[in-house]
Protein backbone atom coordinates (compact mmCIF):
# COMPACT_ATOMS: atom_id res chain seq x y z
CA MET A 1 286.14 94.51 112.77
CA ILE A 2 285.29 92.40 109.74
CA VAL A 3 288.52 91.71 107.84
CA GLN A 4 288.65 91.10 104.13
CA PRO A 5 291.67 90.85 101.81
CA LYS A 6 292.86 94.13 100.34
CA ILE A 7 295.37 93.59 97.56
CA ARG A 8 297.30 96.29 95.73
CA SER A 9 300.05 95.60 93.16
CA ASN A 10 300.07 91.93 94.21
CA ILE A 11 300.70 92.90 97.86
CA CYS A 12 298.08 91.99 100.45
CA LEU A 13 297.60 94.86 102.91
CA THR A 14 295.46 92.95 105.44
CA ALA A 15 295.70 89.78 107.43
CA HIS A 16 293.01 87.74 109.21
CA PRO A 17 293.83 86.91 112.86
CA THR A 18 291.69 83.78 113.02
CA GLY A 19 292.69 82.57 109.57
CA CYS A 20 296.41 82.94 110.35
CA ALA A 21 296.02 81.02 113.59
CA ARG A 22 294.07 78.23 111.88
CA GLN A 23 296.66 77.78 109.10
CA VAL A 24 299.35 77.52 111.77
CA GLU A 25 297.34 74.88 113.56
CA ALA A 26 296.88 72.99 110.28
CA GLN A 27 300.69 72.87 109.87
CA ILE A 28 301.09 71.62 113.44
CA ASP A 29 298.48 68.93 112.87
CA TYR A 30 300.33 67.77 109.77
CA VAL A 31 303.54 67.34 111.71
CA LEU A 32 301.74 65.53 114.53
CA SER A 33 300.20 63.18 111.99
CA ARG A 34 303.72 62.16 110.96
CA GLY A 35 304.67 61.15 114.47
CA PRO A 36 307.90 61.90 116.37
CA ALA A 37 311.15 62.36 114.45
CA PRO A 38 312.99 59.04 113.92
CA SER A 39 316.01 58.11 115.99
CA SER A 40 318.13 58.24 112.84
CA VAL A 41 318.17 62.02 112.86
CA ARG A 42 319.93 64.30 115.29
CA PRO A 43 317.53 65.37 118.05
CA SER A 44 317.00 68.95 119.20
CA ARG A 45 316.15 70.07 122.75
CA ASN A 46 316.55 73.84 122.32
CA ALA A 47 315.99 75.62 119.02
CA LEU A 48 316.36 79.24 117.97
CA ILE A 49 314.69 80.32 114.77
CA ILE A 50 315.57 83.73 113.36
CA GLY A 51 312.75 84.79 111.09
CA SER A 52 310.13 82.54 112.69
CA SER A 53 306.84 84.19 111.74
CA ASN A 54 306.29 83.14 108.11
CA GLY A 55 307.18 80.59 105.46
CA TYR A 56 310.14 78.27 105.98
CA GLY A 57 311.13 79.79 109.32
CA LEU A 58 307.69 79.24 110.83
CA ALA A 59 307.55 75.76 109.41
CA ALA A 60 311.00 74.95 110.82
CA ARG A 61 309.86 76.09 114.27
CA ILE A 62 306.75 73.91 114.10
CA VAL A 63 308.74 70.82 113.10
CA ALA A 64 311.37 71.45 115.83
CA ALA A 65 308.65 71.77 118.45
CA TYR A 66 306.25 69.08 117.36
CA ALA A 67 308.51 66.42 115.76
CA PHE A 68 311.46 66.80 118.15
CA GLY A 69 309.69 68.22 121.21
CA ALA A 70 312.18 71.08 121.29
CA SER A 71 311.78 74.20 123.36
CA THR A 72 311.84 77.10 120.88
CA VAL A 73 312.63 80.75 120.72
CA GLY A 74 311.47 82.68 117.65
CA VAL A 75 312.71 86.07 116.54
CA ALA A 76 310.74 88.10 113.98
CA PHE A 77 309.97 91.73 113.18
CA GLU A 78 306.24 92.14 112.78
CA ARG A 79 303.64 94.86 113.33
CA PRO A 80 301.23 93.95 116.13
CA GLY A 81 297.52 94.69 115.98
CA GLY A 82 296.38 97.45 118.29
CA LEU A 83 294.85 100.89 118.55
CA GLU A 84 295.95 103.95 116.65
CA GLU A 85 295.56 107.52 117.84
CA GLY A 86 291.91 108.33 118.14
CA GLY A 87 291.01 104.76 119.07
CA ARG A 88 290.92 103.35 115.56
CA GLU A 89 291.71 99.63 115.45
CA ARG A 90 294.79 98.63 113.44
CA LEU A 91 295.45 95.20 111.94
CA GLY A 92 298.72 93.47 112.63
CA THR A 93 300.73 91.69 109.94
CA ALA A 94 300.16 88.07 108.99
CA GLY A 95 303.44 87.14 110.71
CA TRP A 96 302.27 88.70 113.95
CA TYR A 97 299.08 86.58 113.99
CA ASN A 98 301.02 83.50 112.91
CA ASP A 99 303.33 83.97 115.89
CA ARG A 100 300.44 84.56 118.31
CA GLY A 101 298.72 81.48 116.92
CA PHE A 102 301.82 79.35 117.42
CA LEU A 103 302.37 80.54 120.98
CA ALA A 104 298.73 79.92 121.91
CA ARG A 105 298.76 76.39 120.52
CA ALA A 106 302.16 75.62 122.07
CA GLU A 107 300.85 76.72 125.49
CA ARG A 108 297.81 74.48 125.15
CA ASP A 109 300.07 71.55 124.19
CA GLY A 110 302.54 72.14 126.97
CA LYS A 111 305.36 73.18 124.61
CA ALA A 112 307.98 75.61 125.94
CA ALA A 113 308.04 78.58 123.53
CA TRP A 114 309.04 82.23 123.60
CA SER A 115 309.07 84.92 120.94
CA VAL A 116 311.00 88.15 120.54
CA ASN A 117 309.48 90.76 118.23
CA GLY A 118 312.12 93.09 116.86
CA ASP A 119 314.87 93.71 114.28
CA ALA A 120 317.01 90.58 114.26
CA PHE A 121 319.90 92.59 112.73
CA SER A 122 320.17 94.81 115.80
CA PRO A 123 322.61 94.20 118.70
CA GLU A 124 319.78 95.03 121.16
CA ILE A 125 317.55 92.18 119.89
CA LYS A 126 320.49 89.80 119.92
CA ALA A 127 321.22 90.71 123.49
CA GLU A 128 317.52 90.42 124.50
CA THR A 129 317.27 86.99 122.86
CA ILE A 130 320.46 85.74 124.44
CA GLY A 131 319.23 86.87 127.85
CA LEU A 132 315.97 84.97 127.29
CA ILE A 133 317.85 81.84 126.22
CA ARG A 134 320.15 82.00 129.25
CA GLY A 135 317.23 82.41 131.60
CA HIS A 136 314.89 79.83 130.19
CA LEU A 137 316.60 77.27 127.92
CA GLY A 138 320.33 76.84 128.11
CA PRO A 139 322.61 76.11 125.09
CA ILE A 140 321.00 76.05 121.65
CA ASP A 141 321.52 72.89 119.58
CA LEU A 142 319.55 74.05 116.49
CA LEU A 143 319.87 77.51 115.01
CA VAL A 144 317.76 78.23 111.90
CA TYR A 145 318.37 81.49 110.06
CA SER A 146 315.47 82.41 107.77
CA VAL A 147 315.48 86.17 107.39
CA ALA A 148 314.08 88.08 104.36
CA ALA A 149 314.28 91.80 104.86
CA PRO A 150 314.26 95.01 102.78
CA ARG A 151 316.94 96.79 104.76
CA ARG A 152 319.54 96.44 107.48
CA GLN A 153 321.47 98.90 109.60
CA ASP A 154 325.12 97.94 109.98
CA PRO A 155 325.77 97.34 113.69
CA VAL A 156 329.24 98.90 113.54
CA THR A 157 328.98 101.85 111.15
CA GLY A 158 325.26 102.59 111.52
CA THR A 159 324.87 102.75 107.71
CA LEU A 160 321.41 101.74 106.45
CA HIS A 161 321.60 99.26 103.53
CA SER A 162 318.58 98.47 101.35
CA SER A 163 318.23 95.30 99.28
CA VAL A 164 316.90 95.16 95.72
CA ILE A 165 315.85 92.33 93.42
CA LYS A 166 317.35 93.31 90.07
CA PRO A 167 319.28 91.78 87.21
CA ILE A 168 322.94 92.70 86.81
CA GLY A 169 324.48 94.20 83.67
CA GLN A 170 321.45 94.37 81.38
CA PRO A 171 317.65 94.54 81.54
CA PHE A 172 315.68 91.38 82.04
CA ILE A 173 312.83 91.02 79.56
CA SER A 174 310.44 88.17 80.19
CA LYS A 175 306.90 86.90 80.39
CA THR A 176 305.19 87.33 83.73
CA LEU A 177 301.81 86.51 85.22
CA ASP A 178 299.32 88.68 87.06
CA PHE A 179 297.99 85.92 89.26
CA GLN A 180 294.86 87.88 90.15
CA SER A 181 293.63 88.55 86.60
CA GLY A 182 295.35 85.64 84.85
CA VAL A 183 296.93 87.99 82.31
CA VAL A 184 300.28 86.94 80.88
CA SER A 185 302.33 89.89 79.67
CA GLU A 186 305.89 91.00 78.96
CA ILE A 187 307.80 92.80 81.60
CA CYS A 188 311.21 94.58 81.64
CA ALA A 189 313.22 94.79 84.83
CA GLU A 190 316.00 97.36 84.78
CA PRO A 191 319.45 96.23 86.01
CA ALA A 192 321.10 97.33 89.25
CA ALA A 193 322.10 100.95 88.85
CA SER A 194 325.44 100.56 90.57
CA GLN A 195 327.80 98.20 92.36
CA GLN A 196 326.51 99.81 95.54
CA GLU A 197 323.06 98.30 95.01
CA ILE A 198 324.64 94.87 94.61
CA ASP A 199 326.78 95.33 97.71
CA ASP A 200 323.87 96.61 99.74
CA THR A 201 321.76 93.58 98.82
CA VAL A 202 324.58 91.25 99.91
CA LYS A 203 324.86 93.23 103.14
CA VAL A 204 321.16 92.71 103.91
CA MET A 205 320.50 89.25 102.52
CA GLY A 206 323.94 87.58 102.66
CA GLY A 207 325.45 85.58 105.47
CA GLU A 208 327.02 88.27 107.67
CA ASP A 209 324.20 88.51 110.17
CA TRP A 210 323.82 84.69 110.34
CA ARG A 211 327.52 84.54 111.27
CA LEU A 212 327.03 87.21 113.95
CA TRP A 213 324.24 85.22 115.58
CA VAL A 214 326.37 82.05 115.67
CA GLU A 215 329.30 83.98 117.10
CA ALA A 216 327.12 85.74 119.68
CA LEU A 217 325.74 82.44 121.01
CA ALA A 218 329.23 80.84 121.05
CA ASP A 219 330.76 83.81 122.86
CA GLU A 220 328.11 83.52 125.57
CA GLY A 221 328.57 79.78 125.95
CA LEU A 222 325.07 79.20 124.57
CA LEU A 223 325.91 77.16 121.47
CA ALA A 224 325.78 73.50 122.38
CA GLU A 225 328.35 70.93 121.46
CA GLY A 226 327.15 69.12 118.35
CA ALA A 227 324.80 71.97 117.36
CA THR A 228 323.41 72.32 113.83
CA THR A 229 322.86 75.68 112.18
CA MET A 230 321.22 76.17 108.79
CA ALA A 231 320.05 78.93 106.50
CA PHE A 232 317.89 78.78 103.39
CA SER A 233 318.68 79.56 99.78
CA TYR A 234 317.24 79.18 96.29
CA ILE A 235 318.62 78.48 92.81
CA GLY A 236 315.68 77.96 90.42
CA PRO A 237 315.51 77.47 86.63
CA ARG A 238 317.64 79.00 83.89
CA PHE A 239 314.78 81.16 82.53
CA THR A 240 314.37 83.08 85.81
CA ALA A 241 318.10 83.15 86.52
CA PRO A 242 318.71 86.71 85.25
CA ILE A 243 316.30 88.20 87.79
CA TYR A 244 317.21 85.92 90.64
CA ARG A 245 320.26 83.60 90.74
CA ASP A 246 322.35 85.74 88.35
CA GLY A 247 321.04 88.98 89.79
CA THR A 248 321.51 90.97 93.01
CA MET A 249 319.66 88.38 95.10
CA GLY A 250 321.82 85.63 93.66
CA ARG A 251 324.95 87.47 94.79
CA ALA A 252 323.49 87.58 98.31
CA LYS A 253 322.68 83.89 98.19
CA GLU A 254 326.28 83.12 97.04
CA HIS A 255 327.54 85.04 100.05
CA LEU A 256 325.20 83.09 102.31
CA GLU A 257 326.49 79.82 100.91
CA THR A 258 330.12 80.95 101.29
CA THR A 259 329.31 81.87 104.90
CA ALA A 260 327.98 78.32 105.52
CA ARG A 261 331.24 76.81 104.33
CA ALA A 262 333.20 79.11 106.64
CA LEU A 263 330.96 78.39 109.58
CA GLN A 264 331.29 74.68 108.99
CA GLY A 265 334.93 74.88 110.06
CA SER A 266 334.15 76.43 113.45
CA MET A 267 331.05 74.31 114.00
CA ALA A 268 332.96 71.11 113.20
CA ASP A 269 335.44 71.93 115.96
CA ARG A 270 332.60 71.46 118.47
CA GLY A 271 331.14 68.46 116.70
CA GLY A 272 328.49 70.54 114.96
CA ARG A 273 327.41 71.36 111.44
CA ALA A 274 326.57 74.42 109.31
CA VAL A 275 324.70 74.09 106.05
CA VAL A 276 322.56 75.98 103.55
CA SER A 277 319.42 74.17 102.40
CA VAL A 278 318.38 75.05 98.85
CA ASN A 279 314.56 74.88 99.00
CA LYS A 280 311.72 74.68 96.52
CA ALA A 281 310.05 77.74 94.93
CA LEU A 282 306.91 78.69 96.86
CA VAL A 283 304.39 81.52 97.04
CA THR A 284 305.61 84.23 99.39
CA ARG A 285 305.16 87.98 99.69
CA ALA A 286 308.42 88.40 97.74
CA SER A 287 307.84 85.81 95.00
CA ALA A 288 304.42 87.34 94.24
CA VAL A 289 306.02 90.54 92.98
CA ILE A 290 309.32 89.38 91.39
CA PRO A 291 309.09 89.63 87.56
CA ALA A 292 308.60 86.24 85.85
CA VAL A 293 308.53 84.29 89.12
CA PRO A 294 304.72 84.11 89.55
CA LEU A 295 304.44 82.57 86.07
CA TYR A 296 307.18 80.05 86.82
CA ILE A 297 305.61 79.09 90.18
CA ALA A 298 302.12 78.69 88.73
CA LEU A 299 303.50 76.41 85.99
CA LEU A 300 305.68 74.50 88.46
CA TYR A 301 302.79 73.90 90.87
CA ARG A 302 300.63 72.40 88.10
CA VAL A 303 303.46 70.13 86.89
CA MET A 304 304.49 68.95 90.36
CA LYS A 305 300.90 68.40 91.47
CA GLU A 306 300.28 66.28 88.37
CA ARG A 307 303.29 64.13 89.37
CA GLY A 308 302.40 63.97 93.04
CA LEU A 309 305.55 65.92 93.97
CA HIS A 310 304.17 69.21 95.26
CA GLU A 311 305.26 70.36 98.72
CA ALA A 312 304.32 73.44 100.75
CA CYS A 313 306.63 74.94 103.38
CA ILE A 314 305.64 72.55 106.13
CA HIS A 315 306.12 69.48 103.93
CA GLN A 316 309.57 70.67 102.90
CA MET A 317 310.70 71.37 106.46
CA ASP A 318 309.29 68.08 107.70
CA ARG A 319 311.20 66.18 104.99
CA LEU A 320 314.35 68.21 105.71
CA PHE A 321 314.36 67.47 109.43
CA ARG A 322 313.30 63.81 109.16
CA GLU A 323 315.44 62.69 106.21
CA HIS A 324 318.43 65.04 105.82
CA LEU A 325 319.85 65.70 109.31
CA PRO A 326 321.50 62.40 110.29
CA ALA A 327 322.25 61.75 113.94
CA GLU A 328 325.86 60.90 113.05
CA GLY A 329 328.22 61.98 110.29
CA PRO A 330 327.99 64.77 107.70
CA ILE A 331 324.93 66.09 105.96
CA ALA A 332 324.68 64.97 102.33
CA THR A 333 325.36 67.95 100.06
CA ASP A 334 326.15 68.82 96.46
CA ALA A 335 329.57 69.77 95.14
CA GLU A 336 329.15 73.30 96.51
CA GLY A 337 328.30 72.05 100.02
CA ARG A 338 324.57 72.78 99.73
CA LEU A 339 321.78 70.52 100.91
CA ARG A 340 319.47 70.16 97.89
CA LEU A 341 315.88 70.07 99.12
CA ASP A 342 314.88 71.39 95.69
CA ASP A 343 315.66 67.98 94.25
CA TRP A 344 312.05 67.28 93.20
CA GLU A 345 311.59 70.75 91.66
CA MET A 346 314.80 70.42 89.67
CA ARG A 347 314.17 66.93 88.37
CA GLU A 348 314.91 66.83 84.64
CA ASP A 349 311.40 65.74 83.69
CA VAL A 350 309.75 68.43 85.81
CA GLN A 351 311.94 71.25 84.47
CA ALA A 352 311.51 70.09 80.83
CA GLU A 353 307.72 70.12 81.19
CA VAL A 354 307.68 73.51 82.95
CA PHE A 355 309.81 74.99 80.17
CA ARG A 356 307.56 73.48 77.47
CA ARG A 357 304.58 75.14 79.08
CA TRP A 358 306.44 78.38 79.59
CA GLU A 359 306.95 78.64 75.85
CA LEU A 360 303.19 78.11 75.29
CA ALA A 361 301.95 80.36 78.08
CA GLU A 362 299.69 83.19 77.01
CA THR A 363 296.65 84.79 78.56
CA ASP A 364 294.26 82.53 76.61
CA THR A 365 296.16 79.32 77.50
CA ILE A 366 297.42 79.95 81.03
CA MET A 367 294.51 78.38 82.87
CA THR A 368 295.06 75.06 81.14
CA LEU A 369 298.83 75.12 81.56
CA ALA A 370 299.33 76.49 85.06
CA ASP A 371 297.83 76.31 88.54
CA VAL A 372 296.81 79.97 88.73
CA THR A 373 294.00 79.14 91.13
CA GLY A 374 296.39 77.31 93.43
CA PHE A 375 298.75 80.31 93.39
CA ARG A 376 295.92 82.68 94.34
CA GLU A 377 294.68 80.38 97.09
CA GLU A 378 298.14 79.95 98.63
CA PHE A 379 298.80 83.72 98.45
CA LEU A 380 295.56 84.35 100.32
CA ARG A 381 296.19 81.62 102.92
CA PHE A 382 299.59 83.21 103.52
CA HIS A 383 297.58 86.13 104.93
CA GLY A 384 294.92 84.09 106.70
CA PHE A 385 292.24 84.16 104.05
CA GLY A 386 290.51 81.17 102.41
CA VAL A 387 291.27 78.95 105.35
CA GLU A 388 288.77 76.15 105.89
CA GLY A 389 286.46 76.55 108.89
CA VAL A 390 286.87 80.34 109.28
CA ASP A 391 283.74 82.58 109.12
CA TYR A 392 284.98 85.61 107.27
CA SER A 393 281.70 87.44 107.76
CA ALA A 394 282.25 87.45 111.55
CA GLU A 395 283.91 90.26 113.43
CA VAL A 396 287.37 89.60 114.91
CA ASP A 397 289.49 91.48 117.40
CA PRO A 398 292.68 92.67 115.70
């Protein structure tokens, strides 16, 4: 079939198989251009990445494999391409094609890599993954947890919990940006309807499942001495705080960070480390639909690009692995125990300029203030479109 982007309510419903594979290869080529990881950082032989098919998780897997030479196992829950009833071809998700692209390139390059497609929250997928690790790798010395999910079934009670991105206590009224049309408008996000919505979001997006993965590996003797485990968080600016850091998702991130501090105790006993890395704001499927966030990101991109500070996922993960994971001693963190990879985003001069532009942002000024075009292009590349060297008029096999 010929695959074109279909976007509805800022959600892309299609993904291009060739484009996804090419953008994965471009990330790999970037890491290769930087050479092997320096001896000053802790090496990795066997890495497990939970949430490995998109964004930071995919980038972390690429860096582990191509900067460290690690054997990798990736776990992600994606819809494969295939045939529906009646023989109609069905597209897979972008993450599915990203994963296929990574595995194909890894095989060509002689990299040991396996993927498990399924619900990382489930005991069954944990058991399948652990069996694969025991059979092919041996103890894991790097565990990256990068899961963003709408729902989770509790492994003990069977209760299904759904996450929401909402403010807490009162409505959030703010400017926002339709990145497709360039229209700046006012939006009102209603607060969480109950404590249950907050608790459910923490249950899905907090640190409980990360802890269960660490414990499962340790119980099976598959967590190496000196292992590092990390998860990813976000803080952001004060003017998006009500919808994110002070909202339901912020409560989940606080739980994730508390989990890291608890895990650090058990990891330290075996010479290892547990840390949350607070990363930079980037275009993702989620950020494209959170009120106010597309406007902030478009402004941020313009300001950071003007200062030569802009990083995409692969640049952030490459910097994280090469500069912030020392071979010996503790990881440098802030007062809350978090590794601050958002240091360039949160620089005082960057935030002051973004806020100045935020105050001026209207539909008739947005194109001169923000990188709306860059936002659109990155959103499309996330789904395999607009990738250099891909013929989008050609038929592809989904």
